[in-house]
Amino acid sequence: MKFLKSILQILGVFFVISTLIFAVQSTQEDNQSSKNSNEAVQKNVSEGYKISAIDIPADLNFAGELVPQNDPEIMERVDREFLVNTYWQSNALLLMKRAHKFFPVIEPILAKNGIPDDFKYLAVAESGLDNVVSHAGATGFWQIMKATGREYGLEINANVDERYHLEKSTEVACRYLNRYKKKYGNWTLAAAAYNTGTGSVDKYLRIQKVNDYYDLLLGQETGRYVFRIMAIKEILSHPEKYGFDVEQEDLYDAVPTFQVEVTKPVANFADFANEYEINYKILKRHNPWLREPHLNNQSGKKYTIEIPNKGFYKETK
């Protein structure tokens, strides 16, 4: 009987020890699992990321024309555009990348035509620096309507649409803006007119008996327009201030090209591209104004076509 009691006592101690060992192991596994989970979370959340209100620069201006920051309604509208464009991070980052590629083309054309540098951000607001087409038919970086393009000398037909030609469309935008500046006397109303047309601006100025953009009650789009441009300007000019960590190598670069003059019809642009060791897609990328895979050109007009430097695409594959 004593022997049996001793055996039971030993078994009881063994059971207690086994239970304790199991509990310790389970706790260690749970702790390790929790640690791994925390590490995974840390790797997927930007260190120090936070959402906060935004301080509006005291010298906020468009083309040197200061925003009346003593008006609370104006400042609410400004604040909205800063918040929307700062915290729409993917779009803002994409605009920064594209701006590095296209601003060097736009800036000297604005300067040559006496247009303030701030208007390059108008192109950003209009199209996102992309060759988009609006529901109304406005086309290209500067969102030019067909009738307007033709009025200012752009060729627009089935073969060619120079609203997609960055240099030529920027020249047209400059002429447009200078015309509006002469008419209204300031750049903010010129920008508003670019967005909505002179007919609408004239109507609102007459009915409301004011002569300043900031005093006008405008429709939703045009009422936000200049404020949006200023927000984009500030964020793209000082990305680090608004939480963007962008390195030089992250930005898009222009591909080096040379120019080929064409004064005759081109039967097939795919064959034309092959002559320069590129394909049709690459040719179109650099010449989006060519709208068809051929060029009639019965008049013998001179066209300048951009071709990537020889071997560029092969070397970068």
Protein backbone atom coordinates (compact mmCIF):
# COMPACT_ATOMS: atom_id res chain seq x y z
CA MET A 1 0.00 0.00 0.00
CA LYS A 2 2.84 2.42 0.89
CA PHE A 3 4.58 1.53 -2.37
CA LEU A 4 1.43 2.33 -4.39
CA LYS A 5 1.06 5.65 -2.54
CA SER A 6 4.67 6.58 -3.37
CA ILE A 7 4.11 5.80 -7.04
CA LEU A 8 1.02 8.01 -7.14
CA GLN A 9 2.90 10.87 -5.48
CA ILE A 10 5.72 10.62 -8.04
CA LEU A 11 3.19 10.60 -10.90
CA GLY A 12 1.48 13.67 -9.42
CA VAL A 13 4.74 15.60 -9.21
CA PHE A 14 5.60 14.57 -12.78
CA PHE A 15 2.20 15.79 -13.98
CA VAL A 16 2.61 19.17 -12.26
CA ILE A 17 6.10 19.64 -13.73
CA SER A 18 4.91 18.66 -17.21
CA THR A 19 2.03 21.13 -16.97
CA LEU A 20 4.36 23.93 -15.93
CA ILE A 21 6.81 23.19 -18.75
CA PHE A 22 3.97 23.17 -21.29
CA ALA A 23 2.65 26.48 -19.96
CA VAL A 24 6.07 28.12 -20.17
CA GLN A 25 6.60 26.89 -23.74
CA SER A 26 3.15 28.12 -24.80
CA THR A 27 3.83 31.54 -23.28
CA GLN A 28 7.16 31.78 -25.08
CA GLU A 29 5.55 30.83 -28.39
CA ASP A 30 2.77 33.39 -27.89
CA ASN A 31 5.32 36.09 -27.03
CA GLN A 32 7.40 35.25 -30.09
CA SER A 33 4.30 35.29 -32.30
CA SER A 34 3.30 38.67 -30.89
CA LYS A 35 6.83 40.00 -31.41
CA ASN A 36 6.85 38.81 -35.02
CA SER A 37 3.45 40.39 -35.58
CA ASN A 38 4.64 43.71 -34.15
CA GLU A 39 7.76 43.60 -36.32
CA ALA A 40 5.60 42.97 -39.39
CA VAL A 41 3.43 45.95 -38.54
CA GLN A 42 6.48 48.17 -38.04
CA LYS A 43 7.83 47.19 -41.44
CA ASN A 44 4.60 48.20 -43.13
CA VAL A 45 3.96 51.53 -41.43
CA SER A 46 6.10 54.56 -42.21
CA GLU A 47 8.08 55.53 -39.13
CA GLY A 48 6.75 58.74 -37.64
CA TYR A 49 3.80 58.97 -40.03
CA LYS A 50 1.01 61.16 -38.71
CA ILE A 51 -2.00 63.12 -39.91
CA SER A 52 -2.15 66.75 -38.85
CA ALA A 53 -3.59 70.11 -39.79
CA ILE A 54 -1.46 72.23 -42.13
CA ASP A 55 0.05 75.65 -41.54
CA ILE A 56 -0.66 77.91 -44.51
CA PRO A 57 2.36 80.02 -45.58
CA ALA A 58 1.98 83.67 -44.57
CA ASP A 59 3.17 84.82 -48.01
CA LEU A 60 0.87 82.55 -50.01
CA ASN A 61 0.42 84.06 -53.45
CA PHE A 62 -0.31 83.32 -57.08
CA ALA A 63 2.00 84.99 -59.58
CA GLY A 64 2.96 87.51 -56.90
CA GLU A 65 -0.64 88.39 -56.04
CA LEU A 66 -1.14 87.78 -52.31
CA VAL A 67 -4.09 85.85 -50.93
CA PRO A 68 -6.28 87.95 -48.57
CA GLN A 69 -5.66 85.84 -45.47
CA ASN A 70 -7.79 88.08 -43.26
CA ASP A 71 -10.90 86.59 -44.89
CA PRO A 72 -11.92 83.39 -43.01
CA GLU A 73 -13.99 82.05 -45.91
CA ILE A 74 -11.04 82.41 -48.27
CA MET A 75 -8.78 80.64 -45.80
CA GLU A 76 -11.18 77.73 -45.43
CA ARG A 77 -11.07 77.26 -49.18
CA VAL A 78 -7.28 77.48 -49.15
CA ASP A 79 -7.11 74.99 -46.29
CA ARG A 80 -9.31 72.54 -48.17
CA GLU A 81 -6.98 72.48 -51.16
CA PHE A 82 -3.88 72.07 -49.00
CA LEU A 83 -5.45 69.15 -47.12
CA VAL A 84 -6.82 67.42 -50.21
CA ASN A 85 -3.60 67.74 -52.20
CA THR A 86 -1.23 66.95 -49.32
CA TYR A 87 -3.07 63.83 -48.15
CA TRP A 88 -3.79 62.53 -51.63
CA GLN A 89 -0.24 61.29 -51.40
CA SER A 90 -0.15 58.98 -54.41
CA ASN A 91 -1.30 61.74 -56.75
CA ALA A 92 1.05 64.36 -55.28
CA LEU A 93 4.00 61.99 -55.60
CA LEU A 94 3.12 61.21 -59.19
CA LEU A 95 2.91 64.94 -59.98
CA MET A 96 6.36 65.50 -58.48
CA LYS A 97 7.80 62.74 -60.64
CA ARG A 98 6.20 64.08 -63.82
CA ALA A 99 7.08 67.70 -63.05
CA HIS A 100 10.78 66.83 -63.04
CA LYS A 101 10.39 65.51 -66.58
CA PHE A 102 8.17 68.19 -68.11
CA PHE A 103 8.79 71.47 -66.26
CA PRO A 104 12.16 72.00 -68.00
CA VAL A 105 10.22 72.10 -71.29
CA ILE A 106 7.44 74.40 -70.05
CA GLU A 107 9.44 76.90 -67.95
CA PRO A 108 11.52 78.57 -70.71
CA ILE A 109 8.45 78.96 -72.94
CA LEU A 110 6.55 80.73 -70.14
CA ALA A 111 9.54 82.98 -69.46
CA LYS A 112 9.97 83.85 -73.14
CA ASN A 113 6.33 84.94 -73.33
CA GLY A 114 6.35 86.97 -70.11
CA ILE A 115 4.10 84.53 -68.24
CA PRO A 116 4.84 84.08 -64.50
CA ASP A 117 6.49 80.77 -63.65
CA ASP A 118 3.54 79.89 -61.38
CA PHE A 119 1.48 79.09 -64.46
CA LYS A 120 3.33 75.81 -64.93
CA TYR A 121 1.23 74.64 -61.97
CA LEU A 122 -1.89 75.59 -63.93
CA ALA A 123 -0.94 72.87 -66.40
CA VAL A 124 -0.63 70.47 -63.46
CA ALA A 125 -4.10 71.42 -62.23
CA GLU A 126 -5.57 71.15 -65.72
CA SER A 127 -4.23 67.75 -66.75
CA GLY A 128 -1.91 66.27 -64.14
CA LEU A 129 0.81 66.68 -66.82
CA ASP A 130 -0.82 63.99 -68.90
CA ASN A 131 -2.34 64.04 -72.39
CA VAL A 132 -5.90 63.66 -71.20
CA VAL A 133 -9.14 64.54 -72.97
CA SER A 134 -12.01 66.09 -70.99
CA HIS A 135 -15.67 65.22 -71.45
CA ALA A 136 -16.02 68.53 -73.34
CA GLY A 137 -13.17 67.65 -75.71
CA ALA A 138 -10.42 69.82 -74.17
CA THR A 139 -7.15 68.07 -74.95
CA GLY A 140 -3.54 67.80 -73.84
CA PHE A 141 -1.50 69.23 -70.97
CA TRP A 142 -3.15 72.64 -71.35
CA GLN A 143 -6.65 71.31 -72.09
CA ILE A 144 -7.16 73.27 -75.31
CA MET A 145 -10.45 73.07 -77.19
CA LYS A 146 -10.36 72.26 -80.90
CA ALA A 147 -11.71 75.66 -82.04
CA THR A 148 -9.27 77.53 -79.79
CA GLY A 149 -6.32 75.50 -81.02
CA ARG A 150 -7.15 76.21 -84.62
CA GLU A 151 -7.75 79.89 -83.87
CA TYR A 152 -4.20 80.11 -82.53
CA GLY A 153 -2.62 78.22 -85.40
CA LEU A 154 -2.43 74.61 -84.21
CA GLU A 155 -2.94 71.91 -86.82
CA ILE A 156 -5.80 69.64 -85.78
CA ASN A 157 -7.05 66.91 -88.12
CA ALA A 158 -7.19 63.13 -88.39
CA ASN A 159 -3.42 62.85 -89.04
CA VAL A 160 -2.09 65.47 -86.65
CA ASP A 161 -3.33 67.10 -83.44
CA GLU A 162 -0.84 69.65 -82.14
CA ARG A 163 -2.75 70.08 -78.89
CA TYR A 164 -0.71 67.01 -77.92
CA HIS A 165 2.53 68.79 -78.87
CA LEU A 166 3.89 70.12 -75.57
CA GLU A 167 5.98 72.99 -76.91
CA LYS A 168 3.37 74.22 -79.40
CA SER A 169 0.43 73.90 -77.00
CA THR A 170 2.39 75.75 -74.31
CA GLU A 171 2.96 78.62 -76.76
CA VAL A 172 -0.79 78.78 -77.39
CA ALA A 173 -1.55 78.75 -73.65
CA CYS A 174 0.85 81.69 -73.22
CA ARG A 175 -0.91 83.73 -75.89
CA TYR A 176 -4.23 82.95 -74.27
CA LEU A 177 -3.03 83.98 -70.82
CA ASN A 178 -1.44 87.22 -72.02
CA ARG A 179 -4.71 88.11 -73.70
CA TYR A 180 -6.61 87.52 -70.45
CA LYS A 181 -4.09 89.45 -68.38
CA LYS A 182 -4.47 92.43 -70.71
CA LYS A 183 -8.26 92.18 -70.43
CA TYR A 184 -8.58 91.80 -66.64
CA GLY A 185 -5.41 93.43 -65.34
CA ASN A 186 -4.35 90.63 -62.96
CA TRP A 187 -3.18 87.03 -63.15
CA THR A 188 -5.77 85.49 -60.83
CA LEU A 189 -8.68 86.51 -63.07
CA ALA A 190 -6.61 85.46 -66.11
CA ALA A 191 -6.28 81.99 -64.57
CA ALA A 192 -10.00 81.86 -63.75
CA ALA A 193 -10.85 82.85 -67.34
CA TYR A 194 -8.53 80.12 -68.63
CA ASN A 195 -10.59 77.62 -66.66
CA THR A 196 -14.13 78.81 -67.32
CA GLY A 197 -13.90 81.24 -70.26
CA THR A 198 -14.22 85.00 -70.48
CA GLY A 199 -17.99 84.84 -70.95
CA SER A 200 -18.56 83.38 -67.49
CA VAL A 201 -16.03 85.65 -65.78
CA ASP A 202 -17.49 88.76 -67.42
CA LYS A 203 -20.99 87.72 -66.42
CA TYR A 204 -20.05 87.18 -62.76
CA LEU A 205 -18.07 90.43 -62.57
CA ARG A 206 -21.00 92.38 -64.02
CA ILE A 207 -23.71 90.81 -61.86
CA GLN A 208 -21.75 90.93 -58.61
CA LYS A 209 -20.20 94.37 -59.29
CA VAL A 210 -16.66 93.47 -58.20
CA ASN A 211 -13.35 93.30 -60.06
CA ASP A 212 -11.29 90.79 -58.07
CA TYR A 213 -11.15 86.98 -58.14
CA TYR A 214 -11.26 86.76 -54.34
CA ASP A 215 -14.47 88.81 -54.21
CA LEU A 216 -16.31 86.69 -56.76
CA LEU A 217 -18.83 83.98 -55.98
CA LEU A 218 -18.02 81.41 -58.65
CA GLY A 219 -19.04 77.88 -59.53
CA GLN A 220 -17.50 74.95 -57.66
CA GLU A 221 -14.70 74.20 -60.12
CA THR A 222 -13.54 77.73 -60.88
CA GLY A 223 -14.06 78.79 -57.27
CA ARG A 224 -11.48 76.18 -56.21
CA TYR A 225 -9.22 76.60 -59.22
CA VAL A 226 -6.66 79.22 -58.16
CA PHE A 227 -6.51 77.83 -54.61
CA ARG A 228 -5.80 74.38 -55.97
CA ILE A 229 -3.00 75.73 -58.17
CA MET A 230 -1.43 77.49 -55.16
CA ALA A 231 -1.62 74.33 -53.03
CA ILE A 232 0.00 72.26 -55.79
CA LYS A 233 2.68 74.91 -56.21
CA GLU A 234 3.53 74.94 -52.50
CA ILE A 235 3.57 71.13 -52.10
CA LEU A 236 5.65 70.50 -55.23
CA SER A 237 8.05 73.32 -54.33
CA HIS A 238 8.60 72.13 -50.73
CA PRO A 239 7.77 68.40 -50.66
CA GLU A 240 9.74 67.66 -47.49
CA LYS A 241 7.71 70.26 -45.59
CA TYR A 242 4.57 68.24 -46.34
CA GLY A 243 5.99 64.83 -45.46
CA PHE A 244 7.24 63.65 -48.85
CA ASP A 245 10.59 61.88 -48.86
CA VAL A 246 11.57 61.94 -52.53
CA GLU A 247 15.07 61.19 -53.79
CA GLN A 248 16.46 62.41 -57.11
CA GLU A 249 16.52 58.88 -58.47
CA ASP A 250 12.78 58.55 -57.77
CA LEU A 251 11.89 61.25 -60.31
CA TYR A 252 11.12 60.76 -63.99
CA ASP A 253 13.76 61.92 -66.46
CA ALA A 254 13.29 63.00 -70.06
CA VAL A 255 14.75 60.64 -72.63
CA PRO A 256 17.47 62.30 -74.77
CA THR A 257 16.31 62.76 -78.36
CA PHE A 258 17.32 64.22 -81.69
CA GLN A 259 15.07 65.71 -84.36
CA VAL A 260 14.23 64.41 -87.81
CA GLU A 261 12.56 66.69 -90.35
CA VAL A 262 9.86 65.22 -92.59
CA THR A 263 8.56 67.09 -95.66
CA LYS A 264 6.93 64.20 -97.52
CA PRO A 265 4.09 61.76 -96.80
CA VAL A 266 4.90 58.85 -94.50
CA ALA A 267 3.12 55.67 -95.60
CA ASN A 268 3.78 53.68 -92.44
CA PHE A 269 5.19 55.00 -89.17
CA ALA A 270 5.99 51.49 -87.96
CA ASP A 271 8.46 51.14 -90.85
CA PHE A 272 9.66 54.70 -90.25
CA ALA A 273 10.35 53.84 -86.58
CA ASN A 274 12.24 50.67 -87.52
CA GLU A 275 14.64 52.77 -89.58
CA TYR A 276 15.75 54.40 -86.32
CA GLU A 277 15.90 51.11 -84.38
CA ILE A 278 12.77 51.80 -82.32
CA ASN A 279 9.19 50.57 -82.56
CA TYR A 280 5.92 52.38 -83.27
CA LYS A 281 4.97 52.59 -79.58
CA ILE A 282 8.21 54.42 -78.72
CA LEU A 283 7.79 56.76 -81.69
CA LYS A 284 4.27 57.66 -80.50
CA ARG A 285 5.46 58.14 -76.92
CA HIS A 286 7.78 60.92 -78.08
CA ASN A 287 5.38 62.32 -80.69
CA PRO A 288 1.85 62.00 -79.30
CA TRP A 289 0.64 64.65 -81.75
CA LEU A 290 0.91 62.05 -84.55
CA ARG A 291 -2.60 60.62 -84.39
CA GLU A 292 -2.50 57.96 -87.13
CA PRO A 293 0.08 55.37 -88.24
CA HIS A 294 0.68 57.38 -91.43
CA LEU A 295 1.06 61.01 -92.52
CA ASN A 296 -0.65 62.33 -95.65
CA ASN A 297 1.26 65.64 -95.97
CA GLN A 298 0.27 66.34 -99.55
CA SER A 299 1.23 70.00 -99.05
CA GLY A 300 4.87 69.21 -98.30
CA LYS A 301 4.72 70.86 -94.87
CA LYS A 302 7.79 70.47 -92.69
CA TYR A 303 7.24 68.39 -89.53
CA THR A 304 9.83 67.82 -86.82
CA ILE A 305 9.77 64.37 -85.25
CA GLU A 306 11.55 63.51 -81.99
CA ILE A 307 13.62 60.31 -82.08
CA PRO A 308 15.33 58.82 -78.99
CA ASN A 309 19.10 58.77 -79.14
CA LYS A 310 20.40 55.69 -80.85
CA GLY A 311 20.64 52.68 -78.60
CA PHE A 312 18.97 54.36 -75.61
CA TYR A 313 16.18 51.83 -75.15
CA LYS A 314 18.43 48.85 -75.87
CA GLU A 315 20.95 50.06 -73.30
CA THR A 316 18.31 50.56 -70.61
CA LYS A 317 16.46 47.23 -71.06
